[in-house]
Amino acid sequence: MKRFSSLSLALLLCWSATLPAQGDARDSALTVENREKTLRFTLLLDGNAPEYRIDRLTADGATNVVLDRSPLGLTRAHEDFTAGLEFVAASPATDLTSVYRMTSGKQLDVRRRTRQRTFTFRNTSGAPMTLTVRAMHDGIAFRYGFPRAAFTEDSLTGEATGFRLPLGGSGWLQPYRAARAAPYVTDYRNGVPIGTAAPDESGWALPMLFHSQDEWLLITEAGIDRTSYGVHVERRAEGGVY
């Protein structure tokens, strides 16, 4: 998947516990749960590269996997943040409330409550990277950050971020087209099996809608600013990894 370095990715579902900021993260899972205790983001650090998982928590205590172990990380022109990362710290969970007004819609005034944590890593050359995660009532979002000012003029050259969907479900996906090809007129592929390859090397466009194991999942980009650009997902999704 290709994306700007200050990635903000929202995973929206149609329907607190935290760990200390110090200590060895490989010995215990680092999690972010929403206030309702219905969604959980888990950071996994038991391999050579960080991964994450997203679960839906039910009232009877069951855990339903929404996204299984999925890769994190990206590559900049002068630094690699895809492997060999050292976990540095995790911030305490912070509850945030945002209030804003829509210009149109059934509900103009919106009040959103989120729970946030920031995880900090260091690559093999000592360069820092942060992963800020927010858990909301109906979704999870995360964003990469680079505290070192020297990266201001750097560029993104590759990305490892992915989404591992449980196999057996269906997707509603739109083949990506370059701007000159008018992507808005491209037909959607409705109800195709998860893992289906896109028609050509351009891959799939965002957003992507999936239905798997009685869960509806929308994957899209969010928090876009003037430095961002439209992104798309790679053509192949072997094993359900987009």
C-alpha atoms as a PDB file:
ATOM      1  CA  MET A   1       0.000   0.000   0.000  1.00  0.00           C
ATOM      2  CA  LYS A   2       1.332   3.461  -0.871  1.00  0.00           C
ATOM      3  CA  ARG A   3       0.737   6.390   1.450  1.00  0.00           C
ATOM      4  CA  PHE A   4       2.127   9.741   2.627  1.00  0.00           C
ATOM      5  CA  SER A   5       4.401   9.619   5.662  1.00  0.00           C
ATOM      6  CA  SER A   6       1.916  11.206   8.061  1.00  0.00           C
ATOM      7  CA  LEU A   7      -0.472   8.354   7.420  1.00  0.00           C
ATOM      8  CA  SER A   8      -3.882   8.587   8.997  1.00  0.00           C
ATOM      9  CA  LEU A   9      -5.929   5.528   8.390  1.00  0.00           C
ATOM     10  CA  ALA A  10      -9.448   5.058   9.656  1.00  0.00           C
ATOM     11  CA  LEU A  11     -11.001   1.633  10.027  1.00  0.00           C
ATOM     12  CA  LEU A  12     -14.743   2.100  10.492  1.00  0.00           C
ATOM     13  CA  LEU A  13     -17.101  -0.598  11.724  1.00  0.00           C
ATOM     14  CA  CYS A  14     -20.879  -0.490  11.313  1.00  0.00           C
ATOM     15  CA  TRP A  15     -21.930  -0.965  14.787  1.00  0.00           C
ATOM     16  CA  SER A  16      -9.396   0.601  28.714  1.00  0.00           C
ATOM     17  CA  ALA A  17      -7.366  -1.336  29.079  1.00  0.00           C
ATOM     18  CA  THR A  18      -3.921   0.270  28.908  1.00  0.00           C
ATOM     19  CA  LEU A  19      -0.437  -0.854  29.823  1.00  0.00           C
ATOM     20  CA  PRO A  20       2.431   1.030  31.445  1.00  0.00           C
ATOM     21  CA  ALA A  21       4.559   3.195  29.187  1.00  0.00           C
ATOM     22  CA  GLN A  22       7.723   1.492  30.431  1.00  0.00           C
ATOM     23  CA  GLY A  23       8.872  -2.103  30.368  1.00  0.00           C
ATOM     24  CA  ASP A  24       9.430  -4.722  27.723  1.00  0.00           C
ATOM     25  CA  ALA A  25       6.557  -4.577  25.231  1.00  0.00           C
ATOM     26  CA  ARG A  26       7.465  -8.031  23.918  1.00  0.00           C
ATOM     27  CA  ASP A  27       6.299  -9.589  27.188  1.00  0.00           C
ATOM     28  CA  SER A  28       2.741  -8.251  27.014  1.00  0.00           C
ATOM     29  CA  ALA A  29       0.369  -6.847  24.436  1.00  0.00           C
ATOM     30  CA  LEU A  30       0.032  -3.074  24.094  1.00  0.00           C
ATOM     31  CA  THR A  31      -3.584  -2.187  23.516  1.00  0.00           C
ATOM     32  CA  VAL A  32      -5.977   0.691  22.968  1.00  0.00           C
ATOM     33  CA  GLU A  33      -9.679   0.142  23.682  1.00  0.00           C
ATOM     34  CA  ASN A  34     -12.514   2.546  23.034  1.00  0.00           C
ATOM     35  CA  ARG A  35     -14.549   3.860  25.962  1.00  0.00           C
ATOM     36  CA  GLU A  36     -17.391   1.478  25.226  1.00  0.00           C
ATOM     37  CA  LYS A  37     -14.991  -1.502  25.403  1.00  0.00           C
ATOM     38  CA  THR A  38     -16.254  -2.814  22.077  1.00  0.00           C
ATOM     39  CA  LEU A  39     -13.137  -2.305  19.921  1.00  0.00           C
ATOM     40  CA  ARG A  40      -9.501  -3.075  20.682  1.00  0.00           C
ATOM     41  CA  PHE A  41      -6.282  -2.254  18.823  1.00  0.00           C
ATOM     42  CA  THR A  42      -3.335  -4.462  19.802  1.00  0.00           C
ATOM     43  CA  LEU A  43       0.269  -3.673  18.930  1.00  0.00           C
ATOM     44  CA  LEU A  44       2.312  -6.846  18.378  1.00  0.00           C
ATOM     45  CA  LEU A  45       6.090  -6.749  18.780  1.00  0.00           C
ATOM     46  CA  ASP A  46       7.073 -10.408  18.822  1.00  0.00           C
ATOM     47  CA  GLY A  47       8.671 -10.402  15.381  1.00  0.00           C
ATOM     48  CA  ASN A  48      11.297  -8.498  13.410  1.00  0.00           C
ATOM     49  CA  ALA A  49       8.770  -5.798  12.477  1.00  0.00           C
ATOM     50  CA  PRO A  50       5.774  -4.350  14.353  1.00  0.00           C
ATOM     51  CA  GLU A  51       2.309  -5.640  13.523  1.00  0.00           C
ATOM     52  CA  TYR A  52      -1.200  -4.901  14.755  1.00  0.00           C
ATOM     53  CA  ARG A  53      -4.544  -6.619  15.218  1.00  0.00           C
ATOM     54  CA  ILE A  54      -8.067  -5.239  15.633  1.00  0.00           C
ATOM     55  CA  ASP A  55     -10.773  -7.107  17.539  1.00  0.00           C
ATOM     56  CA  ARG A  56     -14.428  -6.462  18.295  1.00  0.00           C
ATOM     57  CA  LEU A  57     -15.392  -7.258  21.884  1.00  0.00           C
ATOM     58  CA  THR A  58     -18.882  -8.593  22.568  1.00  0.00           C
ATOM     59  CA  ALA A  59     -21.035  -8.149  25.656  1.00  0.00           C
ATOM     60  CA  ASP A  60     -20.597 -11.808  26.619  1.00  0.00           C
ATOM     61  CA  GLY A  61     -16.800 -11.471  26.680  1.00  0.00           C
ATOM     62  CA  ALA A  62     -16.087 -13.023  23.284  1.00  0.00           C
ATOM     63  CA  THR A  63     -13.454 -11.595  20.929  1.00  0.00           C
ATOM     64  CA  ASN A  64     -14.109 -11.439  17.187  1.00  0.00           C
ATOM     65  CA  VAL A  65     -11.124 -10.783  14.927  1.00  0.00           C
ATOM     66  CA  VAL A  66     -11.790  -7.919  12.530  1.00  0.00           C
ATOM     67  CA  LEU A  67      -8.241  -7.567  11.213  1.00  0.00           C
ATOM     68  CA  ASP A  68      -5.741 -10.317  11.979  1.00  0.00           C
ATOM     69  CA  ARG A  69      -1.981  -9.747  12.312  1.00  0.00           C
ATOM     70  CA  SER A  70      -1.228  -6.983   9.821  1.00  0.00           C
ATOM     71  CA  PRO A  71       2.082  -5.289   8.959  1.00  0.00           C
ATOM     72  CA  LEU A  72       3.158  -1.771   9.904  1.00  0.00           C
ATOM     73  CA  GLY A  73       6.030   0.423   8.777  1.00  0.00           C
ATOM     74  CA  LEU A  74       7.278   2.490   5.875  1.00  0.00           C
ATOM     75  CA  THR A  75      10.459   3.571   4.109  1.00  0.00           C
ATOM     76  CA  ARG A  76      11.709   7.117   3.628  1.00  0.00           C
ATOM     77  CA  ALA A  77      14.416   8.232   1.226  1.00  0.00           C
ATOM     78  CA  HIS A  78      17.074   8.162   3.950  1.00  0.00           C
ATOM     79  CA  GLU A  79      15.592   5.922   6.651  1.00  0.00           C
ATOM     80  CA  ASP A  80      13.976   2.465   6.862  1.00  0.00           C
ATOM     81  CA  PHE A  81      11.153   1.933   9.353  1.00  0.00           C
ATOM     82  CA  THR A  82       9.991  -1.509   8.221  1.00  0.00           C
ATOM     83  CA  ALA A  83      12.306  -3.848  10.146  1.00  0.00           C
ATOM     84  CA  GLY A  84      14.677  -3.872  13.087  1.00  0.00           C
ATOM     85  CA  LEU A  85      12.648  -1.294  14.988  1.00  0.00           C
ATOM     86  CA  GLU A  86      13.280  -0.911  18.713  1.00  0.00           C
ATOM     87  CA  PHE A  87      10.273  -0.190  20.901  1.00  0.00           C
ATOM     88  CA  VAL A  88      10.968   2.863  23.085  1.00  0.00           C
ATOM     89  CA  ALA A  89       7.801   3.815  24.972  1.00  0.00           C
ATOM     90  CA  ALA A  90       4.010   3.933  25.054  1.00  0.00           C
ATOM     91  CA  SER A  91       2.136   6.946  26.336  1.00  0.00           C
ATOM     92  CA  PRO A  92      -0.674   6.590  28.879  1.00  0.00           C
ATOM     93  CA  ALA A  93      -4.168   6.480  27.403  1.00  0.00           C
ATOM     94  CA  THR A  94      -5.756   9.905  26.948  1.00  0.00           C
ATOM     95  CA  ASP A  95      -9.471  10.565  26.524  1.00  0.00           C
ATOM     96  CA  LEU A  96     -10.229  13.232  23.934  1.00  0.00           C
ATOM     97  CA  THR A  97     -13.467  14.978  22.985  1.00  0.00           C
ATOM     98  CA  SER A  98     -13.959  16.910  19.759  1.00  0.00           C
ATOM     99  CA  VAL A  99     -16.979  19.025  18.856  1.00  0.00           C
ATOM    100  CA  TYR A 100     -17.652  20.300  15.350  1.00  0.00           C
ATOM    101  CA  ARG A 101     -20.524  21.311  13.076  1.00  0.00           C
ATOM    102  CA  MET A 102     -21.294  19.754   9.714  1.00  0.00           C
ATOM    103  CA  THR A 103     -22.382  21.909   6.791  1.00  0.00           C
ATOM    104  CA  SER A 104     -25.119  19.418   5.881  1.00  0.00           C
ATOM    105  CA  GLY A 105     -26.623  16.130   7.008  1.00  0.00           C
ATOM    106  CA  LYS A 106     -29.173  14.732   9.435  1.00  0.00           C
ATOM    107  CA  GLN A 107     -27.014  15.595  12.461  1.00  0.00           C
ATOM    108  CA  LEU A 108     -25.194  18.906  12.105  1.00  0.00           C
ATOM    109  CA  ASP A 109     -23.598  19.140  15.544  1.00  0.00           C
ATOM    110  CA  VAL A 110     -21.198  16.274  16.223  1.00  0.00           C
ATOM    111  CA  ARG A 111     -19.524  15.365  19.486  1.00  0.00           C
ATOM    112  CA  ARG A 112     -16.941  12.578  19.220  1.00  0.00           C
ATOM    113  CA  ARG A 113     -15.138  10.920  22.083  1.00  0.00           C
ATOM    114  CA  THR A 114     -11.921   9.020  21.465  1.00  0.00           C
ATOM    115  CA  ARG A 115      -9.175   7.292  23.430  1.00  0.00           C
ATOM    116  CA  GLN A 116      -5.600   7.798  22.237  1.00  0.00           C
ATOM    117  CA  ARG A 117      -2.138   6.380  22.812  1.00  0.00           C
ATOM    118  CA  THR A 118       1.178   7.057  21.085  1.00  0.00           C
ATOM    119  CA  PHE A 119       3.798   4.337  20.619  1.00  0.00           C
ATOM    120  CA  THR A 120       7.400   5.379  19.944  1.00  0.00           C
ATOM    121  CA  PHE A 121      10.011   3.367  18.034  1.00  0.00           C
ATOM    122  CA  ARG A 122      13.624   3.837  16.984  1.00  0.00           C
ATOM    123  CA  ASN A 123      15.166   2.336  13.850  1.00  0.00           C
ATOM    124  CA  THR A 124      18.646   0.871  13.499  1.00  0.00           C
ATOM    125  CA  SER A 125      20.192   4.303  12.886  1.00  0.00           C
ATOM    126  CA  GLY A 126      18.482   5.826  15.913  1.00  0.00           C
ATOM    127  CA  ALA A 127      15.825   7.786  14.013  1.00  0.00           C
ATOM    128  CA  PRO A 128      12.460   7.975  15.860  1.00  0.00           C
ATOM    129  CA  MET A 129       8.995   7.121  14.564  1.00  0.00           C
ATOM    130  CA  THR A 130       5.678   7.364  16.382  1.00  0.00           C
ATOM    131  CA  LEU A 131       2.424   5.506  15.851  1.00  0.00           C
ATOM    132  CA  THR A 132      -0.560   7.383  17.271  1.00  0.00           C
ATOM    133  CA  VAL A 133      -3.685   5.246  17.652  1.00  0.00           C
ATOM    134  CA  ARG A 134      -7.236   6.416  18.352  1.00  0.00           C
ATOM    135  CA  ALA A 135     -10.115   4.137  19.316  1.00  0.00           C
ATOM    136  CA  MET A 136     -13.627   5.495  18.792  1.00  0.00           C
ATOM    137  CA  HIS A 137     -17.168   4.245  19.211  1.00  0.00           C
ATOM    138  CA  ASP A 138     -17.294   2.907  15.661  1.00  0.00           C
ATOM    139  CA  GLY A 139     -13.732   2.709  14.435  1.00  0.00           C
ATOM    140  CA  ILE A 140      -9.963   2.715  14.839  1.00  0.00           C
ATOM    141  CA  ALA A 141      -7.521   5.207  13.318  1.00  0.00           C
ATOM    142  CA  PHE A 142      -3.736   5.398  13.350  1.00  0.00           C
ATOM    143  CA  ARG A 143      -1.102   7.814  12.075  1.00  0.00           C
ATOM    144  CA  TYR A 144       2.663   7.633  11.600  1.00  0.00           C
ATOM    145  CA  GLY A 145       4.754  10.551  12.822  1.00  0.00           C
ATOM    146  CA  PHE A 146       8.420  11.577  12.614  1.00  0.00           C
ATOM    147  CA  PRO A 147       9.569  13.844  15.450  1.00  0.00           C
ATOM    148  CA  ARG A 148      13.005  14.566  13.989  1.00  0.00           C
ATOM    149  CA  ALA A 149      12.891  17.925  12.180  1.00  0.00           C
ATOM    150  CA  ALA A 150      15.465  16.800   9.616  1.00  0.00           C
ATOM    151  CA  PHE A 151      12.795  14.649   7.977  1.00  0.00           C
ATOM    152  CA  THR A 152      10.781  17.716   6.945  1.00  0.00           C
ATOM    153  CA  GLU A 153      12.203  17.668   3.421  1.00  0.00           C
ATOM    154  CA  ASP A 154      12.413  13.882   3.176  1.00  0.00           C
ATOM    155  CA  SER A 155      10.154  11.761   0.985  1.00  0.00           C
ATOM    156  CA  LEU A 156       8.263   8.509   1.259  1.00  0.00           C
ATOM    157  CA  THR A 157       9.582   5.767  -1.008  1.00  0.00           C
ATOM    158  CA  GLY A 158       7.694   2.674   0.168  1.00  0.00           C
ATOM    159  CA  GLU A 159       5.242   1.339   2.697  1.00  0.00           C
ATOM    160  CA  ALA A 160       4.581  -1.954   4.425  1.00  0.00           C
ATOM    161  CA  THR A 161       1.236  -1.073   6.046  1.00  0.00           C
ATOM    162  CA  GLY A 162      -1.404  -3.681   5.313  1.00  0.00           C
ATOM    163  CA  PHE A 163      -4.769  -5.083   6.375  1.00  0.00           C
ATOM    164  CA  ARG A 164      -5.254  -8.815   6.847  1.00  0.00           C
ATOM    165  CA  LEU A 165      -8.922  -9.711   6.361  1.00  0.00           C
ATOM    166  CA  PRO A 166     -10.253 -13.100   7.465  1.00  0.00           C
ATOM    167  CA  LEU A 167     -10.762 -15.247   4.365  1.00  0.00           C
ATOM    168  CA  GLY A 168     -14.215 -16.390   3.401  1.00  0.00           C
ATOM    169  CA  GLY A 169     -15.834 -12.955   3.269  1.00  0.00           C
ATOM    170  CA  SER A 170     -16.663 -10.556   0.454  1.00  0.00           C
ATOM    171  CA  GLY A 171     -15.496  -7.131  -0.658  1.00  0.00           C
ATOM    172  CA  TRP A 172     -16.951  -4.188  -2.540  1.00  0.00           C
ATOM    173  CA  LEU A 173     -13.934  -2.684  -4.298  1.00  0.00           C
ATOM    174  CA  GLN A 174     -13.212  -0.155  -7.026  1.00  0.00           C
ATOM    175  CA  PRO A 175     -10.265  -0.661  -9.403  1.00  0.00           C
ATOM    176  CA  TYR A 176      -7.892   2.293  -9.170  1.00  0.00           C
ATOM    177  CA  ARG A 177      -7.395   4.556 -12.149  1.00  0.00           C
ATOM    178  CA  ALA A 178      -5.005   7.467 -12.648  1.00  0.00           C
ATOM    179  CA  ALA A 179      -6.587  10.935 -12.546  1.00  0.00           C
ATOM    180  CA  ARG A 180      -6.454  11.258 -16.306  1.00  0.00           C
ATOM    181  CA  ALA A 181      -8.570   8.119 -16.590  1.00  0.00           C
ATOM    182  CA  ALA A 182     -11.497   9.545 -14.574  1.00  0.00           C
ATOM    183  CA  PRO A 183     -11.475   7.035 -11.666  1.00  0.00           C
ATOM    184  CA  TYR A 184     -14.943   8.093 -10.563  1.00  0.00           C
ATOM    185  CA  VAL A 185     -16.518   6.277 -13.504  1.00  0.00           C
ATOM    186  CA  THR A 186     -14.794   2.947 -12.802  1.00  0.00           C
ATOM    187  CA  ASP A 187     -17.279   0.201 -11.970  1.00  0.00           C
ATOM    188  CA  TYR A 188     -17.141  -1.365  -8.517  1.00  0.00           C
ATOM    189  CA  ARG A 189     -16.558  -5.083  -8.111  1.00  0.00           C
ATOM    190  CA  ASN A 190     -19.448  -6.073  -5.881  1.00  0.00           C
ATOM    191  CA  GLY A 191     -19.256  -8.996  -3.470  1.00  0.00           C
ATOM    192  CA  VAL A 192     -15.958 -10.408  -4.771  1.00  0.00           C
ATOM    193  CA  PRO A 193     -14.144 -12.905  -2.502  1.00  0.00           C
ATOM    194  CA  ILE A 194     -11.620 -11.405  -0.095  1.00  0.00           C
ATOM    195  CA  GLY A 195      -8.164 -11.783  -1.638  1.00  0.00           C
ATOM    196  CA  THR A 196      -9.334 -11.172  -5.222  1.00  0.00           C
ATOM    197  CA  ALA A 197      -6.653  -9.445  -7.284  1.00  0.00           C
ATOM    198  CA  ALA A 198      -7.408  -6.140  -8.991  1.00  0.00           C
ATOM    199  CA  PRO A 199      -7.843  -6.194 -12.787  1.00  0.00           C
ATOM    200  CA  ASP A 200      -4.432  -4.576 -13.405  1.00  0.00           C
ATOM    201  CA  GLU A 201      -1.280  -3.359 -11.656  1.00  0.00           C
ATOM    202  CA  SER A 202      -2.945  -0.076 -10.583  1.00  0.00           C
ATOM    203  CA  GLY A 203      -4.581  -2.001  -7.753  1.00  0.00           C
ATOM    204  CA  TRP A 204      -7.639  -1.025  -5.717  1.00  0.00           C
ATOM    205  CA  ALA A 205      -8.862   2.442  -4.756  1.00  0.00           C
ATOM    206  CA  LEU A 206      -9.968   3.556  -1.311  1.00  0.00           C
ATOM    207  CA  PRO A 207     -12.376   3.289   0.414  1.00  0.00           C
ATOM    208  CA  MET A 208     -12.847  -0.478   0.539  1.00  0.00           C
ATOM    209  CA  LEU A 209     -15.863  -2.200   2.081  1.00  0.00           C
ATOM    210  CA  PHE A 210     -15.772  -5.779   3.395  1.00  0.00           C
ATOM    211  CA  HIS A 211     -18.146  -8.235   5.034  1.00  0.00           C
ATOM    212  CA  SER A 212     -16.551 -11.114   6.917  1.00  0.00           C
ATOM    213  CA  GLN A 213     -17.607 -13.239   9.886  1.00  0.00           C
ATOM    214  CA  ASP A 214     -20.741 -11.145  10.474  1.00  0.00           C
ATOM    215  CA  GLU A 215     -18.664  -7.950  10.577  1.00  0.00           C
ATOM    216  CA  TRP A 216     -18.856  -4.990   8.197  1.00  0.00           C
ATOM    217  CA  LEU A 217     -15.569  -3.135   7.775  1.00  0.00           C
ATOM    218  CA  LEU A 218     -14.781   0.059   5.876  1.00  0.00           C
ATOM    219  CA  ILE A 219     -11.126   0.929   5.247  1.00  0.00           C
ATOM    220  CA  THR A 220     -10.373   4.473   4.153  1.00  0.00           C
ATOM    221  CA  GLU A 221      -7.893   7.317   4.494  1.00  0.00           C
ATOM    222  CA  ALA A 222      -8.658  10.174   6.899  1.00  0.00           C
ATOM    223  CA  GLY A 223      -7.131  13.365   8.266  1.00  0.00           C
ATOM    224  CA  ILE A 224      -5.920  14.403   4.818  1.00  0.00           C
ATOM    225  CA  ASP A 225      -4.234  17.820   4.531  1.00  0.00           C
ATOM    226  CA  ARG A 226      -2.580  19.851   1.753  1.00  0.00           C
ATOM    227  CA  THR A 227       0.591  17.744   1.921  1.00  0.00           C
ATOM    228  CA  SER A 228      -1.282  14.490   1.278  1.00  0.00           C
ATOM    229  CA  TYR A 229      -2.084  12.783  -1.990  1.00  0.00           C
ATOM    230  CA  GLY A 230      -4.533  10.154  -3.138  1.00  0.00           C
ATOM    231  CA  VAL A 231      -3.372   6.623  -2.456  1.00  0.00           C
ATOM    232  CA  HIS A 232      -4.266   3.144  -3.611  1.00  0.00           C
ATOM    233  CA  VAL A 233      -3.787  -0.463  -2.551  1.00  0.00           C
ATOM    234  CA  GLU A 234      -1.594  -2.959  -4.366  1.00  0.00           C
ATOM    235  CA  ARG A 235      -3.103  -5.307  -6.926  1.00  0.00           C
ATOM    236  CA  ARG A 236      -2.611  -8.594  -5.083  1.00  0.00           C
ATOM    237  CA  ALA A 237      -4.000  -9.481  -1.661  1.00  0.00           C
ATOM    238  CA  GLU A 238      -2.578 -12.933  -1.058  1.00  0.00           C
ATOM    239  CA  GLY A 239      -3.935 -14.531   2.082  1.00  0.00           C
ATOM    240  CA  GLY A 240      -6.359 -11.639   2.477  1.00  0.00           C
ATOM    241  CA  VAL A 241      -3.598  -9.046   3.081  1.00  0.00           C
ATOM    242  CA  TYR A 242      -4.306  -5.774   1.275  1.00  0.00           C
END
